[in-house]
N, C-alpha and C. Protein backbone atom coordinates (compact mmCIF):
# COMPACT_ATOMS: atom_id res chain seq x y z
N UNK A 1 0.78 11.51 22.11
CA UNK A 1 0.89 12.76 21.38
C UNK A 1 -0.47 13.41 21.36
N UNK A 2 -0.55 14.63 21.76
CA UNK A 2 -1.82 15.36 21.81
C UNK A 2 -1.78 16.51 20.83
N UNK A 3 -2.95 16.93 20.44
CA UNK A 3 -3.07 18.09 19.58
C UNK A 3 -2.59 19.32 20.32
N UNK A 4 -1.89 20.26 19.62
CA UNK A 4 -1.42 21.46 20.28
C UNK A 4 -2.54 22.28 20.87
N UNK A 5 -3.76 22.13 20.37
CA UNK A 5 -4.88 22.92 20.88
C UNK A 5 -5.64 22.19 21.98
N UNK A 6 -5.20 20.98 22.29
CA UNK A 6 -5.89 20.20 23.32
C UNK A 6 -5.73 20.87 24.68
N UNK A 7 -6.84 20.99 25.38
CA UNK A 7 -6.78 21.62 26.70
C UNK A 7 -6.70 20.58 27.80
N UNK A 8 -7.04 19.35 27.50
CA UNK A 8 -6.98 18.31 28.52
C UNK A 8 -5.71 17.51 28.33
N UNK A 9 -4.99 17.35 29.40
CA UNK A 9 -3.76 16.56 29.35
C UNK A 9 -3.95 15.36 30.26
N UNK A 10 -3.52 14.22 29.77
CA UNK A 10 -3.57 13.03 30.59
C UNK A 10 -2.14 12.63 30.91
N UNK A 11 -1.98 11.93 31.99
CA UNK A 11 -0.66 11.45 32.36
C UNK A 11 -0.19 10.45 31.32
N UNK A 12 1.11 10.43 31.02
CA UNK A 12 1.59 9.46 30.03
C UNK A 12 1.36 8.04 30.51
N UNK A 13 1.02 7.16 29.56
CA UNK A 13 0.85 5.77 29.93
C UNK A 13 2.19 5.21 30.37
N UNK A 14 2.16 4.19 31.20
CA UNK A 14 3.38 3.59 31.73
C UNK A 14 3.51 2.16 31.21
N UNK A 15 4.75 1.77 30.98
CA UNK A 15 5.02 0.39 30.60
C UNK A 15 5.03 -0.45 31.86
N UNK A 16 5.06 -1.80 31.73
CA UNK A 16 5.10 -2.64 32.93
C UNK A 16 6.28 -2.30 33.85
N UNK A 17 7.39 -1.79 33.31
CA UNK A 17 8.54 -1.46 34.15
C UNK A 17 8.36 -0.12 34.85
N UNK A 18 7.30 0.61 34.53
CA UNK A 18 7.04 1.90 35.16
C UNK A 18 7.52 3.09 34.35
N UNK A 19 8.26 2.84 33.27
CA UNK A 19 8.73 3.94 32.43
C UNK A 19 7.58 4.49 31.60
N UNK A 20 7.65 5.78 31.26
CA UNK A 20 6.62 6.38 30.42
C UNK A 20 6.66 5.76 29.03
N UNK A 21 5.50 5.43 28.50
CA UNK A 21 5.41 4.87 27.15
C UNK A 21 5.67 5.97 26.13
N UNK A 22 6.47 5.67 25.12
CA UNK A 22 6.76 6.66 24.09
C UNK A 22 5.98 6.41 22.81
N UNK A 23 5.30 5.30 22.72
CA UNK A 23 4.54 4.96 21.53
C UNK A 23 3.17 5.59 21.55
N UNK A 24 2.37 5.26 20.56
CA UNK A 24 1.02 5.83 20.49
C UNK A 24 0.14 5.31 21.62
N UNK A 25 -0.84 6.11 21.96
CA UNK A 25 -1.85 5.71 22.93
C UNK A 25 -3.20 5.84 22.26
N UNK A 26 -4.24 5.36 22.91
CA UNK A 26 -5.57 5.38 22.32
C UNK A 26 -6.05 6.81 22.06
N UNK A 27 -5.51 7.80 22.77
CA UNK A 27 -5.93 9.18 22.53
C UNK A 27 -4.93 9.96 21.69
N UNK A 28 -4.01 9.26 21.01
CA UNK A 28 -3.07 9.92 20.11
C UNK A 28 -3.81 10.50 18.91
N UNK A 29 -3.16 11.44 18.22
CA UNK A 29 -3.76 12.03 17.02
C UNK A 29 -4.00 10.94 15.98
N UNK A 30 -5.12 11.03 15.32
CA UNK A 30 -5.49 10.02 14.33
C UNK A 30 -4.44 9.92 13.24
N UNK A 31 -3.89 11.05 12.81
CA UNK A 31 -2.88 11.03 11.75
C UNK A 31 -1.70 10.16 12.17
N UNK A 32 -1.26 10.33 13.41
CA UNK A 32 -0.12 9.55 13.88
C UNK A 32 -0.48 8.07 14.00
N UNK A 33 -1.67 7.78 14.51
CA UNK A 33 -2.10 6.39 14.61
C UNK A 33 -2.19 5.74 13.23
N UNK A 34 -2.73 6.46 12.25
CA UNK A 34 -2.81 5.92 10.89
C UNK A 34 -1.42 5.67 10.33
N UNK A 35 -0.52 6.61 10.58
CA UNK A 35 0.85 6.47 10.08
C UNK A 35 1.52 5.23 10.70
N UNK A 36 1.39 5.08 12.01
CA UNK A 36 2.01 3.94 12.68
C UNK A 36 1.38 2.62 12.24
N UNK A 37 0.06 2.61 12.08
CA UNK A 37 -0.61 1.40 11.61
C UNK A 37 -0.16 1.06 10.19
N UNK A 38 -0.02 2.08 9.35
CA UNK A 38 0.45 1.86 7.98
C UNK A 38 1.88 1.32 7.99
N UNK A 39 2.73 1.86 8.86
CA UNK A 39 4.10 1.35 8.97
C UNK A 39 4.09 -0.13 9.35
N UNK A 40 3.28 -0.49 10.32
CA UNK A 40 3.23 -1.88 10.78
C UNK A 40 2.77 -2.80 9.65
N UNK A 41 1.67 -2.43 8.97
CA UNK A 41 1.16 -3.28 7.90
C UNK A 41 2.09 -3.29 6.69
N UNK A 42 2.70 -2.15 6.40
CA UNK A 42 3.65 -2.09 5.29
C UNK A 42 4.83 -3.01 5.57
N UNK A 43 5.32 -3.01 6.80
CA UNK A 43 6.42 -3.90 7.15
C UNK A 43 6.05 -5.36 6.99
N UNK A 44 4.86 -5.71 7.45
CA UNK A 44 4.41 -7.10 7.36
C UNK A 44 4.21 -7.54 5.92
N UNK A 45 3.61 -6.68 5.10
CA UNK A 45 3.38 -7.06 3.70
C UNK A 45 4.66 -7.00 2.88
N UNK A 46 5.53 -6.07 3.21
CA UNK A 46 6.83 -5.99 2.53
C UNK A 46 7.63 -7.26 2.77
N UNK A 47 7.58 -7.75 3.99
CA UNK A 47 8.28 -8.99 4.34
C UNK A 47 7.76 -10.16 3.50
N UNK A 48 6.45 -10.20 3.30
CA UNK A 48 5.86 -11.27 2.49
C UNK A 48 6.30 -11.16 1.03
N UNK A 49 6.27 -9.95 0.48
CA UNK A 49 6.68 -9.75 -0.92
C UNK A 49 8.14 -10.17 -1.11
N UNK A 50 8.98 -9.81 -0.15
CA UNK A 50 10.40 -10.15 -0.24
C UNK A 50 10.64 -11.65 -0.24
N UNK A 51 9.79 -12.41 0.43
CA UNK A 51 9.91 -13.87 0.42
C UNK A 51 9.77 -14.42 -1.00
N UNK A 52 9.08 -13.67 -1.85
CA UNK A 52 8.86 -14.08 -3.24
C UNK A 52 9.79 -13.35 -4.21
N UNK A 53 10.77 -12.64 -3.68
CA UNK A 53 11.74 -11.95 -4.53
C UNK A 53 11.26 -10.62 -5.08
N UNK A 54 10.23 -10.05 -4.49
CA UNK A 54 9.70 -8.77 -4.94
C UNK A 54 9.88 -7.71 -3.87
N UNK A 55 9.98 -6.48 -4.31
CA UNK A 55 9.85 -5.37 -3.38
C UNK A 55 8.35 -5.09 -3.26
N UNK A 56 7.96 -4.43 -2.18
CA UNK A 56 6.55 -4.10 -2.02
C UNK A 56 6.06 -3.25 -3.19
N UNK A 57 6.92 -2.35 -3.68
CA UNK A 57 6.54 -1.54 -4.85
C UNK A 57 6.22 -2.41 -6.05
N UNK A 58 7.02 -3.45 -6.27
CA UNK A 58 6.77 -4.36 -7.39
C UNK A 58 5.37 -4.97 -7.28
N UNK A 59 5.07 -5.43 -6.08
CA UNK A 59 3.77 -6.06 -5.84
C UNK A 59 2.63 -5.07 -6.08
N UNK A 60 2.80 -3.84 -5.62
CA UNK A 60 1.75 -2.83 -5.79
C UNK A 60 1.54 -2.51 -7.27
N UNK A 61 2.63 -2.40 -8.02
CA UNK A 61 2.51 -2.14 -9.47
C UNK A 61 1.83 -3.32 -10.15
N UNK A 62 2.24 -4.54 -9.81
CA UNK A 62 1.60 -5.72 -10.41
C UNK A 62 0.11 -5.77 -10.07
N UNK A 63 -0.23 -5.43 -8.84
CA UNK A 63 -1.64 -5.42 -8.44
C UNK A 63 -2.43 -4.37 -9.20
N UNK A 64 -1.83 -3.20 -9.40
CA UNK A 64 -2.50 -2.14 -10.16
C UNK A 64 -2.73 -2.60 -11.60
N UNK A 65 -1.74 -3.26 -12.19
CA UNK A 65 -1.90 -3.76 -13.56
C UNK A 65 -2.96 -4.86 -13.63
N UNK A 66 -3.03 -5.67 -12.59
CA UNK A 66 -4.02 -6.75 -12.55
C UNK A 66 -5.43 -6.19 -12.41
N UNK A 67 -5.59 -5.17 -11.58
CA UNK A 67 -6.93 -4.63 -11.29
C UNK A 67 -7.40 -3.63 -12.33
N UNK A 68 -6.47 -2.93 -12.97
CA UNK A 68 -6.86 -1.89 -13.93
C UNK A 68 -6.07 -2.06 -15.22
N UNK A 69 -6.39 -3.10 -16.00
CA UNK A 69 -5.65 -3.34 -17.23
C UNK A 69 -5.90 -2.24 -18.27
N UNK A 70 -5.02 -2.20 -19.23
CA UNK A 70 -5.11 -1.30 -20.39
C UNK A 70 -4.86 0.17 -20.09
N UNK A 71 -4.24 0.47 -18.96
CA UNK A 71 -3.82 1.85 -18.70
C UNK A 71 -2.50 2.10 -19.40
N UNK A 72 -2.34 3.28 -19.93
CA UNK A 72 -1.03 3.64 -20.47
C UNK A 72 -0.07 3.83 -19.29
N UNK A 73 1.21 3.90 -19.60
CA UNK A 73 2.19 4.13 -18.54
C UNK A 73 1.90 5.44 -17.81
N UNK A 74 1.51 6.47 -18.54
CA UNK A 74 1.18 7.76 -17.92
C UNK A 74 -0.02 7.66 -17.02
N UNK A 75 -1.06 6.94 -17.46
CA UNK A 75 -2.26 6.77 -16.64
C UNK A 75 -1.95 5.95 -15.39
N UNK A 76 -1.12 4.93 -15.55
CA UNK A 76 -0.72 4.11 -14.41
C UNK A 76 0.07 4.95 -13.41
N UNK A 77 0.97 5.79 -13.91
CA UNK A 77 1.75 6.65 -13.03
C UNK A 77 0.84 7.56 -12.21
N UNK A 78 -0.16 8.14 -12.86
CA UNK A 78 -1.11 9.00 -12.14
C UNK A 78 -1.91 8.20 -11.11
N UNK A 79 -2.34 7.01 -11.48
CA UNK A 79 -3.11 6.16 -10.58
C UNK A 79 -2.32 5.84 -9.32
N UNK A 80 -1.03 5.58 -9.48
CA UNK A 80 -0.18 5.23 -8.35
C UNK A 80 0.44 6.44 -7.66
N UNK A 81 0.25 7.61 -8.24
CA UNK A 81 0.83 8.81 -7.64
C UNK A 81 2.34 8.86 -7.81
N UNK A 82 2.84 8.33 -8.92
CA UNK A 82 4.27 8.30 -9.18
C UNK A 82 4.62 9.20 -10.35
N UNK A 83 5.84 9.71 -10.37
CA UNK A 83 6.27 10.41 -11.57
C UNK A 83 6.65 9.34 -12.60
N UNK A 84 6.64 9.72 -13.87
CA UNK A 84 6.85 8.75 -14.95
C UNK A 84 8.21 8.08 -14.87
N UNK A 85 9.24 8.82 -14.48
CA UNK A 85 10.59 8.27 -14.42
C UNK A 85 10.67 7.14 -13.39
N UNK A 86 10.08 7.35 -12.23
CA UNK A 86 10.08 6.32 -11.19
C UNK A 86 9.33 5.08 -11.67
N UNK A 87 8.17 5.29 -12.28
CA UNK A 87 7.41 4.16 -12.78
C UNK A 87 8.16 3.43 -13.88
N UNK A 88 8.82 4.16 -14.78
CA UNK A 88 9.55 3.51 -15.88
C UNK A 88 10.62 2.58 -15.35
N UNK A 89 11.38 3.01 -14.34
CA UNK A 89 12.42 2.13 -13.79
C UNK A 89 11.79 0.92 -13.11
N UNK A 90 10.66 1.11 -12.48
CA UNK A 90 9.94 0.00 -11.85
C UNK A 90 9.49 -0.99 -12.93
N UNK A 91 8.90 -0.48 -14.00
CA UNK A 91 8.44 -1.35 -15.09
C UNK A 91 9.61 -2.03 -15.79
N UNK A 92 10.72 -1.32 -15.94
CA UNK A 92 11.91 -1.93 -16.56
C UNK A 92 12.34 -3.16 -15.76
N UNK A 93 12.38 -3.02 -14.44
CA UNK A 93 12.79 -4.13 -13.59
C UNK A 93 11.80 -5.30 -13.70
N UNK A 94 10.50 -4.99 -13.65
CA UNK A 94 9.48 -6.05 -13.76
C UNK A 94 9.52 -6.72 -15.13
N UNK A 95 9.76 -5.93 -16.15
CA UNK A 95 9.85 -6.48 -17.50
C UNK A 95 11.08 -7.38 -17.61
N UNK A 96 12.19 -6.96 -17.01
CA UNK A 96 13.40 -7.77 -17.01
C UNK A 96 13.23 -9.12 -16.33
N UNK A 97 12.31 -9.19 -15.37
CA UNK A 97 12.02 -10.44 -14.67
C UNK A 97 10.95 -11.27 -15.38
N UNK A 98 10.41 -10.74 -16.49
CA UNK A 98 9.38 -11.46 -17.23
C UNK A 98 8.01 -11.38 -16.60
N UNK A 99 7.80 -10.39 -15.74
CA UNK A 99 6.53 -10.26 -15.04
C UNK A 99 5.59 -9.26 -15.72
N UNK A 100 6.14 -8.44 -16.59
CA UNK A 100 5.39 -7.40 -17.30
C UNK A 100 5.90 -7.33 -18.73
N UNK A 101 5.01 -7.06 -19.65
CA UNK A 101 5.38 -6.71 -21.03
C UNK A 101 4.72 -5.37 -21.35
N UNK A 102 5.28 -4.67 -22.32
CA UNK A 102 4.68 -3.40 -22.74
C UNK A 102 4.35 -3.50 -24.21
N UNK A 103 3.15 -3.05 -24.52
CA UNK A 103 2.71 -3.04 -25.93
C UNK A 103 2.34 -1.61 -26.31
N UNK A 104 2.31 -1.39 -27.59
CA UNK A 104 1.94 -0.07 -28.10
C UNK A 104 0.44 0.14 -27.93
N UNK A 105 0.07 1.34 -27.52
CA UNK A 105 -1.35 1.70 -27.38
C UNK A 105 -1.93 1.87 -28.77
N UNK A 106 -2.98 1.12 -29.10
CA UNK A 106 -3.56 1.25 -30.44
C UNK A 106 -4.16 2.63 -30.71
N UNK A 107 -4.45 3.40 -29.65
CA UNK A 107 -5.02 4.74 -29.82
C UNK A 107 -3.95 5.80 -30.06
N UNK A 108 -2.70 5.46 -29.65
CA UNK A 108 -1.60 6.43 -29.76
C UNK A 108 -0.29 5.65 -29.81
N UNK A 109 0.32 5.60 -31.00
CA UNK A 109 1.53 4.80 -31.18
C UNK A 109 2.67 5.21 -30.26
N UNK A 110 2.65 6.44 -29.76
CA UNK A 110 3.73 6.91 -28.88
C UNK A 110 3.58 6.38 -27.46
N UNK A 111 2.37 5.98 -27.09
CA UNK A 111 2.10 5.53 -25.72
C UNK A 111 2.27 4.01 -25.61
N UNK A 112 2.68 3.59 -24.43
CA UNK A 112 2.86 2.16 -24.17
C UNK A 112 1.90 1.73 -23.05
N UNK A 113 1.41 0.51 -23.19
CA UNK A 113 0.51 -0.06 -22.19
C UNK A 113 1.21 -1.26 -21.55
N UNK A 114 1.55 -1.15 -20.27
CA UNK A 114 2.15 -2.29 -19.58
C UNK A 114 1.08 -3.33 -19.24
N UNK A 115 1.45 -4.59 -19.41
CA UNK A 115 0.52 -5.69 -19.09
C UNK A 115 1.24 -6.68 -18.21
N UNK A 116 0.52 -7.23 -17.26
CA UNK A 116 1.08 -8.27 -16.41
C UNK A 116 1.10 -9.58 -17.20
N UNK A 117 2.18 -10.32 -17.12
CA UNK A 117 2.28 -11.61 -17.82
C UNK A 117 1.63 -12.70 -16.97
N UNK A 118 1.51 -13.89 -17.55
CA UNK A 118 0.96 -15.02 -16.78
C UNK A 118 1.84 -15.28 -15.56
N UNK A 119 3.16 -15.25 -15.75
CA UNK A 119 4.08 -15.46 -14.62
C UNK A 119 3.91 -14.35 -13.58
N UNK A 120 3.75 -13.12 -14.06
CA UNK A 120 3.53 -11.99 -13.15
C UNK A 120 2.22 -12.13 -12.40
N UNK A 121 1.20 -12.60 -13.07
CA UNK A 121 -0.10 -12.81 -12.43
C UNK A 121 -0.05 -13.89 -11.37
N UNK A 122 0.66 -14.98 -11.68
CA UNK A 122 0.79 -16.06 -10.71
C UNK A 122 1.57 -15.60 -9.48
N UNK A 123 2.66 -14.87 -9.71
CA UNK A 123 3.47 -14.38 -8.60
C UNK A 123 2.68 -13.36 -7.77
N UNK A 124 1.97 -12.46 -8.44
CA UNK A 124 1.16 -11.47 -7.74
C UNK A 124 0.12 -12.15 -6.86
N UNK A 125 -0.53 -13.19 -7.39
CA UNK A 125 -1.56 -13.91 -6.63
C UNK A 125 -0.95 -14.58 -5.40
N UNK A 126 0.23 -15.17 -5.53
CA UNK A 126 0.89 -15.81 -4.39
C UNK A 126 1.25 -14.77 -3.32
N UNK A 127 1.78 -13.63 -3.75
CA UNK A 127 2.13 -12.57 -2.80
C UNK A 127 0.85 -12.01 -2.17
N UNK A 128 -0.20 -11.86 -2.96
CA UNK A 128 -1.47 -11.35 -2.43
C UNK A 128 -2.00 -12.26 -1.32
N UNK A 129 -1.92 -13.57 -1.52
CA UNK A 129 -2.39 -14.51 -0.50
C UNK A 129 -1.54 -14.37 0.77
N UNK A 130 -0.23 -14.25 0.61
CA UNK A 130 0.65 -14.11 1.77
C UNK A 130 0.40 -12.78 2.48
N UNK A 131 0.19 -11.72 1.72
CA UNK A 131 -0.09 -10.41 2.32
C UNK A 131 -1.44 -10.41 3.02
N UNK A 132 -2.40 -11.12 2.44
CA UNK A 132 -3.72 -11.22 3.07
C UNK A 132 -3.61 -11.93 4.42
N UNK A 133 -2.79 -12.97 4.48
CA UNK A 133 -2.58 -13.66 5.75
C UNK A 133 -1.93 -12.74 6.78
N UNK A 134 -0.95 -11.93 6.34
CA UNK A 134 -0.28 -10.99 7.25
C UNK A 134 -1.27 -9.94 7.74
N UNK A 135 -2.13 -9.47 6.83
CA UNK A 135 -3.15 -8.48 7.21
C UNK A 135 -4.13 -9.09 8.20
N UNK A 136 -4.56 -10.30 7.93
CA UNK A 136 -5.50 -10.97 8.84
C UNK A 136 -4.87 -11.20 10.21
N UNK A 137 -3.58 -11.51 10.24
CA UNK A 137 -2.89 -11.70 11.52
C UNK A 137 -2.86 -10.39 12.30
N UNK A 138 -2.62 -9.29 11.60
CA UNK A 138 -2.57 -7.98 12.26
C UNK A 138 -3.95 -7.56 12.76
N UNK A 139 -5.00 -7.94 12.04
CA UNK A 139 -6.35 -7.52 12.39
C UNK A 139 -7.17 -8.64 13.04
N UNK A 140 -6.52 -9.77 13.30
CA UNK A 140 -7.21 -10.95 13.81
C UNK A 140 -7.95 -10.76 15.12
N UNK A 141 -7.55 -9.80 15.91
CA UNK A 141 -8.22 -9.57 17.18
C UNK A 141 -9.51 -8.78 17.07
N UNK A 142 -9.86 -8.38 15.87
CA UNK A 142 -11.05 -7.56 15.66
C UNK A 142 -12.13 -8.36 14.94
N UNK A 143 -13.39 -8.18 15.34
CA UNK A 143 -14.48 -8.85 14.63
C UNK A 143 -14.55 -8.37 13.17
N UNK A 144 -15.02 -9.24 12.31
CA UNK A 144 -15.10 -8.95 10.87
C UNK A 144 -15.85 -7.65 10.58
N UNK A 145 -16.95 -7.40 11.30
CA UNK A 145 -17.73 -6.20 11.04
C UNK A 145 -16.93 -4.94 11.38
N UNK A 146 -16.07 -5.01 12.39
CA UNK A 146 -15.23 -3.85 12.72
C UNK A 146 -14.16 -3.63 11.66
N UNK A 147 -13.61 -4.71 11.12
CA UNK A 147 -12.61 -4.59 10.05
C UNK A 147 -13.27 -3.96 8.81
N UNK A 148 -14.48 -4.39 8.50
CA UNK A 148 -15.20 -3.82 7.36
C UNK A 148 -15.50 -2.34 7.61
N UNK A 149 -15.86 -1.99 8.83
CA UNK A 149 -16.10 -0.59 9.18
C UNK A 149 -14.81 0.22 9.01
N UNK A 150 -13.70 -0.32 9.46
CA UNK A 150 -12.41 0.35 9.28
C UNK A 150 -12.13 0.58 7.80
N UNK A 151 -12.36 -0.43 6.97
CA UNK A 151 -12.15 -0.28 5.52
C UNK A 151 -13.02 0.85 4.95
N UNK A 152 -14.28 0.86 5.35
CA UNK A 152 -15.20 1.91 4.85
C UNK A 152 -14.75 3.29 5.33
N UNK A 153 -14.31 3.38 6.57
CA UNK A 153 -13.85 4.66 7.10
C UNK A 153 -12.60 5.14 6.36
N UNK A 154 -11.65 4.22 6.14
CA UNK A 154 -10.43 4.61 5.44
C UNK A 154 -10.74 5.03 4.01
N UNK A 155 -11.64 4.29 3.35
CA UNK A 155 -12.02 4.68 1.99
C UNK A 155 -12.71 6.04 2.00
N UNK A 156 -13.51 6.29 3.02
CA UNK A 156 -14.15 7.60 3.14
C UNK A 156 -13.14 8.73 3.27
N UNK A 157 -12.05 8.46 3.99
CA UNK A 157 -10.99 9.46 4.12
C UNK A 157 -10.26 9.63 2.79
N UNK A 158 -9.95 8.52 2.15
CA UNK A 158 -9.19 8.55 0.90
C UNK A 158 -10.05 9.07 -0.25
N UNK A 159 -11.27 8.57 -0.34
CA UNK A 159 -12.15 8.94 -1.44
C UNK A 159 -11.70 8.31 -2.74
N UNK A 160 -12.30 8.76 -3.81
CA UNK A 160 -11.96 8.19 -5.12
C UNK A 160 -11.33 9.23 -6.04
N UNK A 161 -10.86 10.31 -5.49
CA UNK A 161 -10.21 11.32 -6.31
C UNK A 161 -8.72 11.06 -6.39
N UNK A 162 -8.08 11.62 -7.41
CA UNK A 162 -6.64 11.48 -7.54
C UNK A 162 -5.94 12.20 -6.41
N UNK A 163 -4.89 11.60 -5.95
CA UNK A 163 -4.10 12.17 -4.86
C UNK A 163 -2.70 12.43 -5.38
N UNK A 164 -2.13 13.54 -5.05
CA UNK A 164 -0.79 13.86 -5.52
C UNK A 164 0.28 13.06 -4.81
N UNK A 165 -0.04 12.44 -3.70
CA UNK A 165 0.94 11.66 -2.96
C UNK A 165 1.07 10.25 -3.53
N UNK A 166 2.22 9.67 -3.37
CA UNK A 166 2.46 8.32 -3.86
C UNK A 166 1.91 7.29 -2.89
N UNK A 167 1.38 6.20 -3.42
CA UNK A 167 0.97 5.09 -2.57
C UNK A 167 2.13 4.13 -2.37
N UNK A 168 3.26 4.45 -2.96
CA UNK A 168 4.42 3.60 -2.84
C UNK A 168 5.44 4.26 -1.97
């Protein structure tokens, strides 16, 4: 896939059978390459979460609660780029499984603060280890310094500002 403004065209890559390749190539648009890479890693990590009875969304919510405790439900929704209704149903399911509890915010009785339980923390840690192995398998062909460079580059693209898009 080339940019519409690209003036240089290269012949399509060929598969071993001689057919034109329809997948990404090294000169594909970065957006498409990032999307396809995200799909591949999402599939691999989703598979790991499912082995533990979680959806990938469950794991991401548990990880957010583990890394940023004491956020209200509204703050957590903004952090994850979710609307409150979607997050509430997610938290309801996690709470039903005993992985999350909600307590009243001492600063505002109307607000609730979801917390990961000990069981939720243990499950999140097990899924995190499995997802880390899947990530390492996907990136295993690259030297550690290149993986770190990729992380820095992706963070540079993402930045630390709020994004209106969901990470789920």
